[in-house]
Amino acid sequence: MNHQRKYLWYYKDYGCWIKVEGDYARAMNPGESFNLRLDKELSVPCHLKLAEQQLWYVEIGLNQVKLNLRMNEVYEIEN
């Protein structure tokens, strides 16, 4: 079974992160959960957070490790 890849990127015109799957895209809200792909075989559960107007990050795992998201990067994600 071939799964379509999903991506997360920052859309400057709307000031939010967009989840893209094929031709479909939607805005992500703070607090939403997803798995962040770190490599081909490893993904970690996390939550999207907003610290201040332009500082987005994800909290990873039970220890809630914070990883700042770079607005010029594209991230591969899973539901």
PDB file of N, CA and C in Angstrom:
ATOM      1  N   MET A   1       0.846  -1.174   0.000  1.00  0.00           N
ATOM      2  CA  MET A   1       0.000   0.000   0.000  1.00  0.00           C
ATOM      3  C   MET A   1       0.895   1.242   0.000  1.00  0.00           C
ATOM      4  N   ASN A   2       0.632   2.174  -0.898  1.00  0.00           N
ATOM      5  CA  ASN A   2       1.437   3.385  -1.026  1.00  0.00           C
ATOM      6  C   ASN A   2       0.769   4.532  -0.282  1.00  0.00           C
ATOM      7  N   HIS A   3       1.423   5.032   0.748  1.00  0.00           N
ATOM      8  CA  HIS A   3       0.886   6.145   1.527  1.00  0.00           C
ATOM      9  C   HIS A   3       1.421   7.458   0.969  1.00  0.00           C
ATOM     10  N   GLN A   4       0.518   8.420   0.854  1.00  0.00           N
ATOM     11  CA  GLN A   4       0.936   9.736   0.388  1.00  0.00           C
ATOM     12  C   GLN A   4       1.626  10.479   1.529  1.00  0.00           C
ATOM     13  N   ARG A   5       2.721  11.125   1.226  1.00  0.00           N
ATOM     14  CA  ARG A   5       3.462  11.858   2.254  1.00  0.00           C
ATOM     15  C   ARG A   5       2.717  13.117   2.660  1.00  0.00           C
ATOM     16  N   LYS A   6       2.923  13.495   3.921  1.00  0.00           N
ATOM     17  CA  LYS A   6       2.320  14.706   4.465  1.00  0.00           C
ATOM     18  C   LYS A   6       3.441  15.627   4.907  1.00  0.00           C
ATOM     19  N   TYR A   7       3.223  16.908   4.710  1.00  0.00           N
ATOM     20  CA  TYR A   7       4.244  17.892   5.044  1.00  0.00           C
ATOM     21  C   TYR A   7       3.646  19.021   5.869  1.00  0.00           C
ATOM     22  N   LEU A   8       4.505  19.656   6.623  1.00  0.00           N
ATOM     23  CA  LEU A   8       4.135  20.811   7.429  1.00  0.00           C
ATOM     24  C   LEU A   8       5.053  21.950   7.013  1.00  0.00           C
ATOM     25  N   TRP A   9       4.464  23.073   6.571  1.00  0.00           N
ATOM     26  CA  TRP A   9       5.285  24.238   6.271  1.00  0.00           C
ATOM     27  C   TRP A   9       4.568  25.506   6.664  1.00  0.00           C
ATOM     28  N   TYR A  10       5.349  26.552   6.854  1.00  0.00           N
ATOM     29  CA  TYR A  10       4.811  27.828   7.313  1.00  0.00           C
ATOM     30  C   TYR A  10       4.339  28.641   6.119  1.00  0.00           C
ATOM     31  N   TYR A  11       3.103  29.110   6.192  1.00  0.00           N
ATOM     32  CA  TYR A  11       2.511  29.919   5.129  1.00  0.00           C
ATOM     33  C   TYR A  11       2.451  31.363   5.608  1.00  0.00           C
ATOM     34  N   LYS A  12       3.362  32.179   5.105  1.00  0.00           N
ATOM     35  CA  LYS A  12       3.521  33.551   5.595  1.00  0.00           C
ATOM     36  C   LYS A  12       2.274  34.407   5.403  1.00  0.00           C
ATOM     37  N   ASP A  13       1.555  34.220   4.287  1.00  0.00           N
ATOM     38  CA  ASP A  13       0.373  35.051   4.017  1.00  0.00           C
ATOM     39  C   ASP A  13      -0.695  34.898   5.092  1.00  0.00           C
ATOM     40  N   TYR A  14      -0.811  33.701   5.673  1.00  0.00           N
ATOM     41  CA  TYR A  14      -1.804  33.451   6.722  1.00  0.00           C
ATOM     42  C   TYR A  14      -1.204  33.482   8.124  1.00  0.00           C
ATOM     43  N   GLY A  15       0.119  33.445   8.223  1.00  0.00           N
ATOM     44  CA  GLY A  15       0.772  33.468   9.525  1.00  0.00           C
ATOM     45  C   GLY A  15       0.550  32.206  10.330  1.00  0.00           C
ATOM     46  N   CYS A  16       0.502  31.047   9.634  1.00  0.00           N
ATOM     47  CA  CYS A  16       0.279  29.784  10.341  1.00  0.00           C
ATOM     48  C   CYS A  16       0.982  28.648   9.609  1.00  0.00           C
ATOM     49  N   TRP A  17       1.042  27.507  10.293  1.00  0.00           N
ATOM     50  CA  TRP A  17       1.604  26.299   9.698  1.00  0.00           C
ATOM     51  C   TRP A  17       0.506  25.581   8.936  1.00  0.00           C
ATOM     52  N   ILE A  18       0.851  25.049   7.765  1.00  0.00           N
ATOM     53  CA  ILE A  18      -0.086  24.368   6.881  1.00  0.00           C
ATOM     54  C   ILE A  18       0.309  22.896   6.799  1.00  0.00           C
ATOM     55  N   LYS A  19      -0.681  22.021   6.948  1.00  0.00           N
ATOM     56  CA  LYS A  19      -0.483  20.581   6.747  1.00  0.00           C
ATOM     57  C   LYS A  19      -0.903  20.278   5.313  1.00  0.00           C
ATOM     58  N   VAL A  20       0.007  19.711   4.529  1.00  0.00           N
ATOM     59  CA  VAL A  20      -0.242  19.444   3.116  1.00  0.00           C
ATOM     60  C   VAL A  20      -0.172  17.949   2.857  1.00  0.00           C
ATOM     61  N   GLU A  21      -1.200  17.440   2.197  1.00  0.00           N
ATOM     62  CA  GLU A  21      -1.247  16.032   1.777  1.00  0.00           C
ATOM     63  C   GLU A  21      -1.768  16.003   0.349  1.00  0.00           C
ATOM     64  N   GLY A  22      -0.861  15.777  -0.603  1.00  0.00           N
ATOM     65  CA  GLY A  22      -1.256  15.801  -2.008  1.00  0.00           C
ATOM     66  C   GLY A  22      -1.731  17.191  -2.411  1.00  0.00           C
ATOM     67  N   ASP A  23      -2.962  17.266  -2.941  1.00  0.00           N
ATOM     68  CA  ASP A  23      -3.543  18.546  -3.358  1.00  0.00           C
ATOM     69  C   ASP A  23      -4.324  19.219  -2.245  1.00  0.00           C
ATOM     70  N   TYR A  24      -4.405  18.598  -1.083  1.00  0.00           N
ATOM     71  CA  TYR A  24      -5.192  19.116   0.040  1.00  0.00           C
ATOM     72  C   TYR A  24      -4.275  19.784   1.061  1.00  0.00           C
ATOM     73  N   ALA A  25      -4.693  20.947   1.553  1.00  0.00           N
ATOM     74  CA  ALA A  25      -3.928  21.641   2.592  1.00  0.00           C
ATOM     75  C   ALA A  25      -4.893  22.283   3.578  1.00  0.00           C
ATOM     76  N   ARG A  26      -4.476  22.347   4.833  1.00  0.00           N
ATOM     77  CA  ARG A  26      -5.291  23.028   5.841  1.00  0.00           C
ATOM     78  C   ARG A  26      -4.382  23.626   6.905  1.00  0.00           C
ATOM     79  N   ALA A  27      -4.885  24.671   7.555  1.00  0.00           N
ATOM     80  CA  ALA A  27      -4.129  25.333   8.618  1.00  0.00           C
ATOM     81  C   ALA A  27      -4.101  24.454   9.858  1.00  0.00           C
ATOM     82  N   MET A  28      -2.958  24.426  10.519  1.00  0.00           N
ATOM     83  CA  MET A  28      -2.811  23.708  11.785  1.00  0.00           C
ATOM     84  C   MET A  28      -3.018  24.700  12.921  1.00  0.00           C
ATOM     85  N   ASN A  29      -3.621  24.250  13.995  1.00  0.00           N
ATOM     86  CA  ASN A  29      -3.867  25.080  15.167  1.00  0.00           C
ATOM     87  C   ASN A  29      -2.927  24.695  16.304  1.00  0.00           C
ATOM     88  N   PRO A  30      -2.558  25.659  17.158  1.00  0.00           N
ATOM     89  CA  PRO A  30      -1.752  25.317  18.331  1.00  0.00           C
ATOM     90  C   PRO A  30      -2.444  24.224  19.151  1.00  0.00           C
ATOM     91  N   GLY A  31      -1.664  23.255  19.609  1.00  0.00           N
ATOM     92  CA  GLY A  31      -2.201  22.154  20.395  1.00  0.00           C
ATOM     93  C   GLY A  31      -2.478  20.897  19.592  1.00  0.00           C
ATOM     94  N   GLU A  32      -2.469  20.997  18.260  1.00  0.00           N
ATOM     95  CA  GLU A  32      -2.718  19.809  17.438  1.00  0.00           C
ATOM     96  C   GLU A  32      -1.559  18.829  17.554  1.00  0.00           C
ATOM     97  N   SER A  33      -1.892  17.549  17.479  1.00  0.00           N
ATOM     98  CA  SER A  33      -0.902  16.479  17.602  1.00  0.00           C
ATOM     99  C   SER A  33      -0.606  15.856  16.245  1.00  0.00           C
ATOM    100  N   PHE A  34       0.612  15.405  16.081  1.00  0.00           N
ATOM    101  CA  PHE A  34       1.033  14.686  14.885  1.00  0.00           C
ATOM    102  C   PHE A  34       2.363  14.018  15.190  1.00  0.00           C
ATOM    103  N   ASN A  35       2.824  13.185  14.293  1.00  0.00           N
ATOM    104  CA  ASN A  35       4.139  12.557  14.426  1.00  0.00           C
ATOM    105  C   ASN A  35       5.105  13.253  13.483  1.00  0.00           C
ATOM    106  N   LEU A  36       6.219  13.700  14.015  1.00  0.00           N
ATOM    107  CA  LEU A  36       7.254  14.367  13.236  1.00  0.00           C
ATOM    108  C   LEU A  36       8.258  13.321  12.776  1.00  0.00           C
ATOM    109  N   ARG A  37       8.466  13.216  11.455  1.00  0.00           N
ATOM    110  CA  ARG A  37       9.416  12.242  10.914  1.00  0.00           C
ATOM    111  C   ARG A  37      10.835  12.776  11.073  1.00  0.00           C
ATOM    112  N   LEU A  38      11.682  11.978  11.703  1.00  0.00           N
ATOM    113  CA  LEU A  38      13.083  12.350  11.879  1.00  0.00           C
ATOM    114  C   LEU A  38      13.976  11.697  10.834  1.00  0.00           C
ATOM    115  N   ASP A  39      13.582  10.518  10.365  1.00  0.00           N
ATOM    116  CA  ASP A  39      14.255   9.851   9.254  1.00  0.00           C
ATOM    117  C   ASP A  39      13.275   8.843   8.669  1.00  0.00           C
ATOM    118  N   LYS A  40      13.751   7.950   7.803  1.00  0.00           N
ATOM    119  CA  LYS A  40      12.860   7.004   7.123  1.00  0.00           C
ATOM    120  C   LYS A  40      12.082   6.107   8.082  1.00  0.00           C
ATOM    121  N   GLU A  41      12.690   5.731   9.184  1.00  0.00           N
ATOM    122  CA  GLU A  41      12.078   4.754  10.078  1.00  0.00           C
ATOM    123  C   GLU A  41      11.679   5.307  11.434  1.00  0.00           C
ATOM    124  N   LEU A  42      12.032   6.542  11.731  1.00  0.00           N
ATOM    125  CA  LEU A  42      11.778   7.087  13.061  1.00  0.00           C
ATOM    126  C   LEU A  42      10.890   8.325  12.997  1.00  0.00           C
ATOM    127  N   SER A  43       9.811   8.277  13.764  1.00  0.00           N
ATOM    128  CA  SER A  43       8.962   9.457  13.929  1.00  0.00           C
ATOM    129  C   SER A  43       8.617   9.575  15.408  1.00  0.00           C
ATOM    130  N   VAL A  44       8.411  10.805  15.864  1.00  0.00           N
ATOM    131  CA  VAL A  44       8.123  11.041  17.276  1.00  0.00           C
ATOM    132  C   VAL A  44       6.817  11.817  17.413  1.00  0.00           C
ATOM    133  N   PRO A  45       5.985  11.438  18.407  1.00  0.00           N
ATOM    134  CA  PRO A  45       4.744  12.178  18.637  1.00  0.00           C
ATOM    135  C   PRO A  45       5.050  13.557  19.213  1.00  0.00           C
ATOM    136  N   CYS A  46       4.313  14.556  18.757  1.00  0.00           N
ATOM    137  CA  CYS A  46       4.532  15.907  19.265  1.00  0.00           C
ATOM    138  C   CYS A  46       3.259  16.745  19.153  1.00  0.00           C
ATOM    139  N   HIS A  47       3.307  17.926  19.753  1.00  0.00           N
ATOM    140  CA  HIS A  47       2.195  18.881  19.753  1.00  0.00           C
ATOM    141  C   HIS A  47       2.707  20.215  19.237  1.00  0.00           C
ATOM    142  N   LEU A  48       1.929  20.862  18.377  1.00  0.00           N
ATOM    143  CA  LEU A  48       2.281  22.176  17.852  1.00  0.00           C
ATOM    144  C   LEU A  48       1.957  23.241  18.891  1.00  0.00           C
ATOM    145  N   LYS A  49       2.896  24.128  19.158  1.00  0.00           N
ATOM    146  CA  LYS A  49       2.721  25.175  20.175  1.00  0.00           C
ATOM    147  C   LYS A  49       3.147  26.527  19.614  1.00  0.00           C
ATOM    148  N   LEU A  50       2.605  27.585  20.196  1.00  0.00           N
ATOM    149  CA  LEU A  50       2.960  28.957  19.839  1.00  0.00           C
ATOM    150  C   LEU A  50       3.389  29.683  21.102  1.00  0.00           C
ATOM    151  N   ALA A  51       4.662  30.114  21.153  1.00  0.00           N
ATOM    152  CA  ALA A  51       5.183  30.791  22.343  1.00  0.00           C
ATOM    153  C   ALA A  51       4.860  32.277  22.308  1.00  0.00           C
ATOM    154  N   GLU A  52       5.044  32.880  21.164  1.00  0.00           N
ATOM    155  CA  GLU A  52       4.709  34.287  20.960  1.00  0.00           C
ATOM    156  C   GLU A  52       4.384  34.446  19.487  1.00  0.00           C
ATOM    157  N   GLN A  53       4.161  35.641  19.032  1.00  0.00           N
ATOM    158  CA  GLN A  53       3.604  35.863  17.704  1.00  0.00           C
ATOM    159  C   GLN A  53       4.286  35.071  16.591  1.00  0.00           C
ATOM    160  N   GLN A  54       5.585  35.055  16.520  1.00  0.00           N
ATOM    161  CA  GLN A  54       6.274  34.369  15.426  1.00  0.00           C
ATOM    162  C   GLN A  54       7.178  33.232  15.894  1.00  0.00           C
ATOM    163  N   LEU A  55       7.008  32.736  17.110  1.00  0.00           N
ATOM    164  CA  LEU A  55       7.858  31.662  17.624  1.00  0.00           C
ATOM    165  C   LEU A  55       7.027  30.398  17.812  1.00  0.00           C
ATOM    166  N   TRP A  56       7.096  29.517  16.823  1.00  0.00           N
ATOM    167  CA  TRP A  56       6.391  28.239  16.865  1.00  0.00           C
ATOM    168  C   TRP A  56       7.375  27.144  17.261  1.00  0.00           C
ATOM    169  N   TYR A  57       6.876  26.160  17.982  1.00  0.00           N
ATOM    170  CA  TYR A  57       7.707  25.026  18.370  1.00  0.00           C
ATOM    171  C   TYR A  57       6.825  23.798  18.539  1.00  0.00           C
ATOM    172  N   VAL A  58       7.453  22.644  18.681  1.00  0.00           N
ATOM    173  CA  VAL A  58       6.736  21.416  19.002  1.00  0.00           C
ATOM    174  C   VAL A  58       7.264  20.898  20.326  1.00  0.00           C
ATOM    175  N   GLU A  59       6.374  20.275  21.096  1.00  0.00           N
ATOM    176  CA  GLU A  59       6.771  19.568  22.317  1.00  0.00           C
ATOM    177  C   GLU A  59       6.799  18.088  21.984  1.00  0.00           C
ATOM    178  N   ILE A  60       7.924  17.456  22.283  1.00  0.00           N
ATOM    179  CA  ILE A  60       8.143  16.066  21.907  1.00  0.00           C
ATOM    180  C   ILE A  60       8.184  15.185  23.142  1.00  0.00           C
ATOM    181  N   GLY A  61       7.430  14.079  23.085  1.00  0.00           N
ATOM    182  CA  GLY A  61       7.502  13.046  24.102  1.00  0.00           C
ATOM    183  C   GLY A  61       6.962  13.429  25.465  1.00  0.00           C
ATOM    184  N   LEU A  62       7.123  12.501  26.410  1.00  0.00           N
ATOM    185  CA  LEU A  62       6.614  12.683  27.765  1.00  0.00           C
ATOM    186  C   LEU A  62       7.341  13.790  28.518  1.00  0.00           C
ATOM    187  N   ASN A  63       8.607  14.011  28.185  1.00  0.00           N
ATOM    188  CA  ASN A  63       9.384  15.058  28.857  1.00  0.00           C
ATOM    189  C   ASN A  63       9.136  16.445  28.279  1.00  0.00           C
ATOM    190  N   GLN A  64       8.323  16.523  27.247  1.00  0.00           N
ATOM    191  CA  GLN A  64       7.954  17.777  26.591  1.00  0.00           C
ATOM    192  C   GLN A  64       9.174  18.590  26.164  1.00  0.00           C
ATOM    193  N   VAL A  65      10.093  17.915  25.493  1.00  0.00           N
ATOM    194  CA  VAL A  65      11.262  18.586  24.930  1.00  0.00           C
ATOM    195  C   VAL A  65      10.782  19.549  23.850  1.00  0.00           C
ATOM    196  N   LYS A  66      11.299  20.781  23.864  1.00  0.00           N
ATOM    197  CA  LYS A  66      10.867  21.797  22.909  1.00  0.00           C
ATOM    198  C   LYS A  66      11.836  21.866  21.730  1.00  0.00           C
ATOM    199  N   LEU A  67      11.267  21.863  20.528  1.00  0.00           N
ATOM    200  CA  LEU A  67      12.031  22.008  19.299  1.00  0.00           C
ATOM    201  C   LEU A  67      11.428  23.170  18.518  1.00  0.00           C
ATOM    202  N   ASN A  68      12.198  24.246  18.358  1.00  0.00           N
ATOM    203  CA  ASN A  68      11.713  25.396  17.601  1.00  0.00           C
ATOM    204  C   ASN A  68      11.595  25.035  16.127  1.00  0.00           C
ATOM    205  N   LEU A  69      10.494  25.445  15.508  1.00  0.00           N
ATOM    206  CA  LEU A  69      10.291  25.221  14.084  1.00  0.00           C
ATOM    207  C   LEU A  69      10.832  26.416  13.307  1.00  0.00           C
ATOM    208  N   ARG A  70      11.529  26.132  12.235  1.00  0.00           N
ATOM    209  CA  ARG A  70      12.069  27.191  11.378  1.00  0.00           C
ATOM    210  C   ARG A  70      11.067  27.455  10.260  1.00  0.00           C
ATOM    211  N   MET A  71      10.697  28.704  10.093  1.00  0.00           N
ATOM    212  CA  MET A  71       9.664  29.055   9.123  1.00  0.00           C
ATOM    213  C   MET A  71      10.076  28.793   7.679  1.00  0.00           C
ATOM    214  N   ASN A  72      11.359  28.678   7.411  1.00  0.00           N
ATOM    215  CA  ASN A  72      11.810  28.416   6.044  1.00  0.00           C
ATOM    216  C   ASN A  72      12.049  26.928   5.783  1.00  0.00           C
ATOM    217  N   GLU A  73      11.728  26.066   6.739  1.00  0.00           N
ATOM    218  CA  GLU A  73      11.909  24.616   6.600  1.00  0.00           C
ATOM    219  C   GLU A  73      10.578  23.934   6.301  1.00  0.00           C
ATOM    220  N   VAL A  74      10.652  22.799   5.631  1.00  0.00           N
ATOM    221  CA  VAL A  74       9.491  21.942   5.402  1.00  0.00           C
ATOM    222  C   VAL A  74       9.731  20.668   6.188  1.00  0.00           C
ATOM    223  N   TYR A  75       8.724  20.235   6.957  1.00  0.00           N
ATOM    224  CA  TYR A  75       8.843  19.060   7.815  1.00  0.00           C
ATOM    225  C   TYR A  75       7.926  17.958   7.311  1.00  0.00           C
ATOM    226  N   GLU A  76       8.417  16.719   7.319  1.00  0.00           N
ATOM    227  CA  GLU A  76       7.572  15.586   6.967  1.00  0.00           C
ATOM    228  C   GLU A  76       6.883  15.106   8.238  1.00  0.00           C
ATOM    229  N   ILE A  77       5.571  14.860   8.142  1.00  0.00           N
ATOM    230  CA  ILE A  77       4.790  14.457   9.310  1.00  0.00           C
ATOM    231  C   ILE A  77       3.912  13.260   8.975  1.00  0.00           C
ATOM    232  N   GLU A  78       3.349  12.670  10.025  1.00  0.00           N
ATOM    233  CA  GLU A  78       2.338  11.614   9.929  1.00  0.00           C
ATOM    234  C   GLU A  78       1.220  11.982  10.886  1.00  0.00           C
ATOM    235  N   ASN A  79       0.052  11.410  10.662  1.00  0.00           N
ATOM    236  CA  ASN A  79      -1.065  11.642  11.603  1.00  0.00           C
ATOM    237  C   ASN A  79      -0.850  10.870  12.865  1.00  0.00           C
TER     238      ASN A  79
END
